[in-house]
Amino acid sequence: MPGKGTVDYYREPSFARVDSGVQKGTDVGIFYDPMISKLIVWGEDRNIALQKMRKAIAEYKIGGLVTNLPLLKRIVDNQDFSKFDYDLQFISKF
């Protein structure tokens, strides 16, 4: 689970849209929604979008607090997710 802390390193992927309210030095406390940013990519089809998302996740660097970037990497790398073959129980398997 994402957690509180101070952002001591922050680098967004250059080609993706990032809606964020943090930067280096931002304190993320326990009284805020743990979603500190949204990472958004677009592709002509699902495979292209997934390729872009994989690259964006690899390039997105946030230090100083726990994020869900490792979970997001496992999700976009998952074959069932790539094939659009999943249900509401999908996340609980991670």
C-alpha atoms as a PDB file:
ATOM      1  CA  MET A   1       0.000   0.000   0.000  1.00  0.00           C
ATOM      2  CA  PRO A   2       1.162   3.532  -0.668  1.00  0.00           C
ATOM      3  CA  GLY A   3       2.262   5.344   2.461  1.00  0.00           C
ATOM      4  CA  LYS A   4       3.199   8.650   3.978  1.00  0.00           C
ATOM      5  CA  GLY A   5       6.569  10.297   3.655  1.00  0.00           C
ATOM      6  CA  THR A   6       8.484  13.081   2.005  1.00  0.00           C
ATOM      7  CA  VAL A   7       9.109  12.953  -1.711  1.00  0.00           C
ATOM      8  CA  ASP A   8      12.899  13.071  -1.934  1.00  0.00           C
ATOM      9  CA  TYR A   9      13.160  12.241  -5.630  1.00  0.00           C
ATOM     10  CA  TYR A  10      10.637  12.841  -8.392  1.00  0.00           C
ATOM     11  CA  ARG A  11      10.959  12.313 -12.142  1.00  0.00           C
ATOM     12  CA  GLU A  12       8.005  11.967 -14.484  1.00  0.00           C
ATOM     13  CA  PRO A  13       8.200  10.151 -17.830  1.00  0.00           C
ATOM     14  CA  SER A  14       8.678  12.772 -20.530  1.00  0.00           C
ATOM     15  CA  PHE A  15       6.173  11.387 -23.041  1.00  0.00           C
ATOM     16  CA  ALA A  16       3.201  10.537 -20.807  1.00  0.00           C
ATOM     17  CA  ARG A  17       0.585  12.748 -19.206  1.00  0.00           C
ATOM     18  CA  VAL A  18       0.968  12.972 -15.445  1.00  0.00           C
ATOM     19  CA  ASP A  19      -1.612  14.717 -13.286  1.00  0.00           C
ATOM     20  CA  SER A  20       0.206  15.209 -10.009  1.00  0.00           C
ATOM     21  CA  GLY A  21       0.169  17.381  -6.947  1.00  0.00           C
ATOM     22  CA  VAL A  22       3.644  16.516  -5.712  1.00  0.00           C
ATOM     23  CA  GLN A  23       7.235  17.439  -6.396  1.00  0.00           C
ATOM     24  CA  LYS A  24      10.532  16.897  -4.647  1.00  0.00           C
ATOM     25  CA  GLY A  25      10.141  17.995  -1.025  1.00  0.00           C
ATOM     26  CA  THR A  26       6.372  17.449  -0.811  1.00  0.00           C
ATOM     27  CA  ASP A  27       5.202  15.882   2.461  1.00  0.00           C
ATOM     28  CA  VAL A  28       2.521  13.259   1.900  1.00  0.00           C
ATOM     29  CA  GLY A  29       0.639  12.682   5.141  1.00  0.00           C
ATOM     30  CA  ILE A  30      -1.842  10.112   6.370  1.00  0.00           C
ATOM     31  CA  PHE A  31      -4.798  12.492   6.095  1.00  0.00           C
ATOM     32  CA  TYR A  32      -4.727  12.710   2.297  1.00  0.00           C
ATOM     33  CA  ASP A  33      -5.820  10.380  -0.436  1.00  0.00           C
ATOM     34  CA  PRO A  34      -2.794   8.154  -1.169  1.00  0.00           C
ATOM     35  CA  MET A  35      -3.196   8.846  -4.886  1.00  0.00           C
ATOM     36  CA  ILE A  36      -0.478  11.429  -5.434  1.00  0.00           C
ATOM     37  CA  SER A  37      -0.630  11.301  -9.227  1.00  0.00           C
ATOM     38  CA  LYS A  38      -2.295   9.796 -12.266  1.00  0.00           C
ATOM     39  CA  LEU A  39      -0.196   8.374 -15.075  1.00  0.00           C
ATOM     40  CA  ILE A  40      -1.976   8.549 -18.429  1.00  0.00           C
ATOM     41  CA  VAL A  41      -0.990   7.143 -21.816  1.00  0.00           C
ATOM     42  CA  TRP A  42      -2.839   6.666 -25.087  1.00  0.00           C
ATOM     43  CA  GLY A  43      -2.360   4.301 -27.987  1.00  0.00           C
ATOM     44  CA  GLU A  44      -4.091   3.439 -31.253  1.00  0.00           C
ATOM     45  CA  ASP A  45      -4.929   0.029 -29.753  1.00  0.00           C
ATOM     46  CA  ARG A  46      -4.584  -1.795 -26.429  1.00  0.00           C
ATOM     47  CA  ASN A  47      -1.174  -3.295 -27.237  1.00  0.00           C
ATOM     48  CA  ILE A  48       0.341   0.069 -28.117  1.00  0.00           C
ATOM     49  CA  ALA A  49      -1.163   1.667 -25.017  1.00  0.00           C
ATOM     50  CA  LEU A  50       0.229  -1.151 -22.846  1.00  0.00           C
ATOM     51  CA  GLN A  51       3.694  -0.743 -24.391  1.00  0.00           C
ATOM     52  CA  LYS A  52       3.599   2.961 -23.624  1.00  0.00           C
ATOM     53  CA  MET A  53       2.371   2.310 -20.084  1.00  0.00           C
ATOM     54  CA  ARG A  54       5.153  -0.201 -19.446  1.00  0.00           C
ATOM     55  CA  LYS A  55       7.720   2.354 -20.589  1.00  0.00           C
ATOM     56  CA  ALA A  56       6.091   5.153 -18.575  1.00  0.00           C
ATOM     57  CA  ILE A  57       6.047   3.050 -15.385  1.00  0.00           C
ATOM     58  CA  ALA A  58       9.709   2.149 -15.898  1.00  0.00           C
ATOM     59  CA  GLU A  59      10.653   5.815 -16.300  1.00  0.00           C
ATOM     60  CA  TYR A  60       8.484   7.199 -13.481  1.00  0.00           C
ATOM     61  CA  LYS A  61      10.665   7.584 -10.389  1.00  0.00           C
ATOM     62  CA  ILE A  62       9.359   8.612  -6.982  1.00  0.00           C
ATOM     63  CA  GLY A  63      11.606   8.290  -3.937  1.00  0.00           C
ATOM     64  CA  GLY A  64      11.085   8.752  -0.229  1.00  0.00           C
ATOM     65  CA  LEU A  65       7.782   6.951   0.159  1.00  0.00           C
ATOM     66  CA  VAL A  66       6.160   3.697  -0.855  1.00  0.00           C
ATOM     67  CA  THR A  67       4.220   3.815  -4.145  1.00  0.00           C
ATOM     68  CA  ASN A  68       2.193   1.314  -6.111  1.00  0.00           C
ATOM     69  CA  LEU A  69       4.456   1.507  -9.183  1.00  0.00           C
ATOM     70  CA  PRO A  70       5.689  -2.092  -8.631  1.00  0.00           C
ATOM     71  CA  LEU A  71       2.067  -3.308  -8.497  1.00  0.00           C
ATOM     72  CA  LEU A  72       1.189  -1.380 -11.644  1.00  0.00           C
ATOM     73  CA  LYS A  73       4.163  -2.969 -13.418  1.00  0.00           C
ATOM     74  CA  ARG A  74       2.980  -6.459 -12.453  1.00  0.00           C
ATOM     75  CA  ILE A  75      -0.530  -5.628 -13.686  1.00  0.00           C
ATOM     76  CA  VAL A  76       0.488  -4.319 -17.125  1.00  0.00           C
ATOM     77  CA  ASP A  77       2.930  -7.229 -17.526  1.00  0.00           C
ATOM     78  CA  ASN A  78       0.219  -9.787 -16.720  1.00  0.00           C
ATOM     79  CA  GLN A  79      -0.883 -11.869 -19.726  1.00  0.00           C
ATOM     80  CA  ASP A  80      -4.563 -11.914 -18.688  1.00  0.00           C
ATOM     81  CA  PHE A  81      -4.576  -8.141 -18.362  1.00  0.00           C
ATOM     82  CA  SER A  82      -2.862  -7.785 -21.738  1.00  0.00           C
ATOM     83  CA  LYS A  83      -5.509 -10.025 -23.345  1.00  0.00           C
ATOM     84  CA  PHE A  84      -8.328  -8.103 -21.578  1.00  0.00           C
ATOM     85  CA  ASP A  85      -9.251 -11.374 -19.866  1.00  0.00           C
ATOM     86  CA  TYR A  86      -9.891 -10.504 -16.230  1.00  0.00           C
ATOM     87  CA  ASP A  87     -12.705  -9.896 -13.769  1.00  0.00           C
ATOM     88  CA  LEU A  88     -13.350  -8.139 -10.462  1.00  0.00           C
ATOM     89  CA  GLN A  89     -11.169 -10.666  -8.594  1.00  0.00           C
ATOM     90  CA  PHE A  90      -8.103  -9.815 -10.691  1.00  0.00           C
ATOM     91  CA  ILE A  91      -6.443  -7.392  -8.237  1.00  0.00           C
ATOM     92  CA  SER A  92      -6.937  -9.723  -5.258  1.00  0.00           C
ATOM     93  CA  LYS A  93      -4.660 -12.270  -6.971  1.00  0.00           C
ATOM     94  CA  PHE A  94      -1.681  -9.922  -6.555  1.00  0.00           C
END
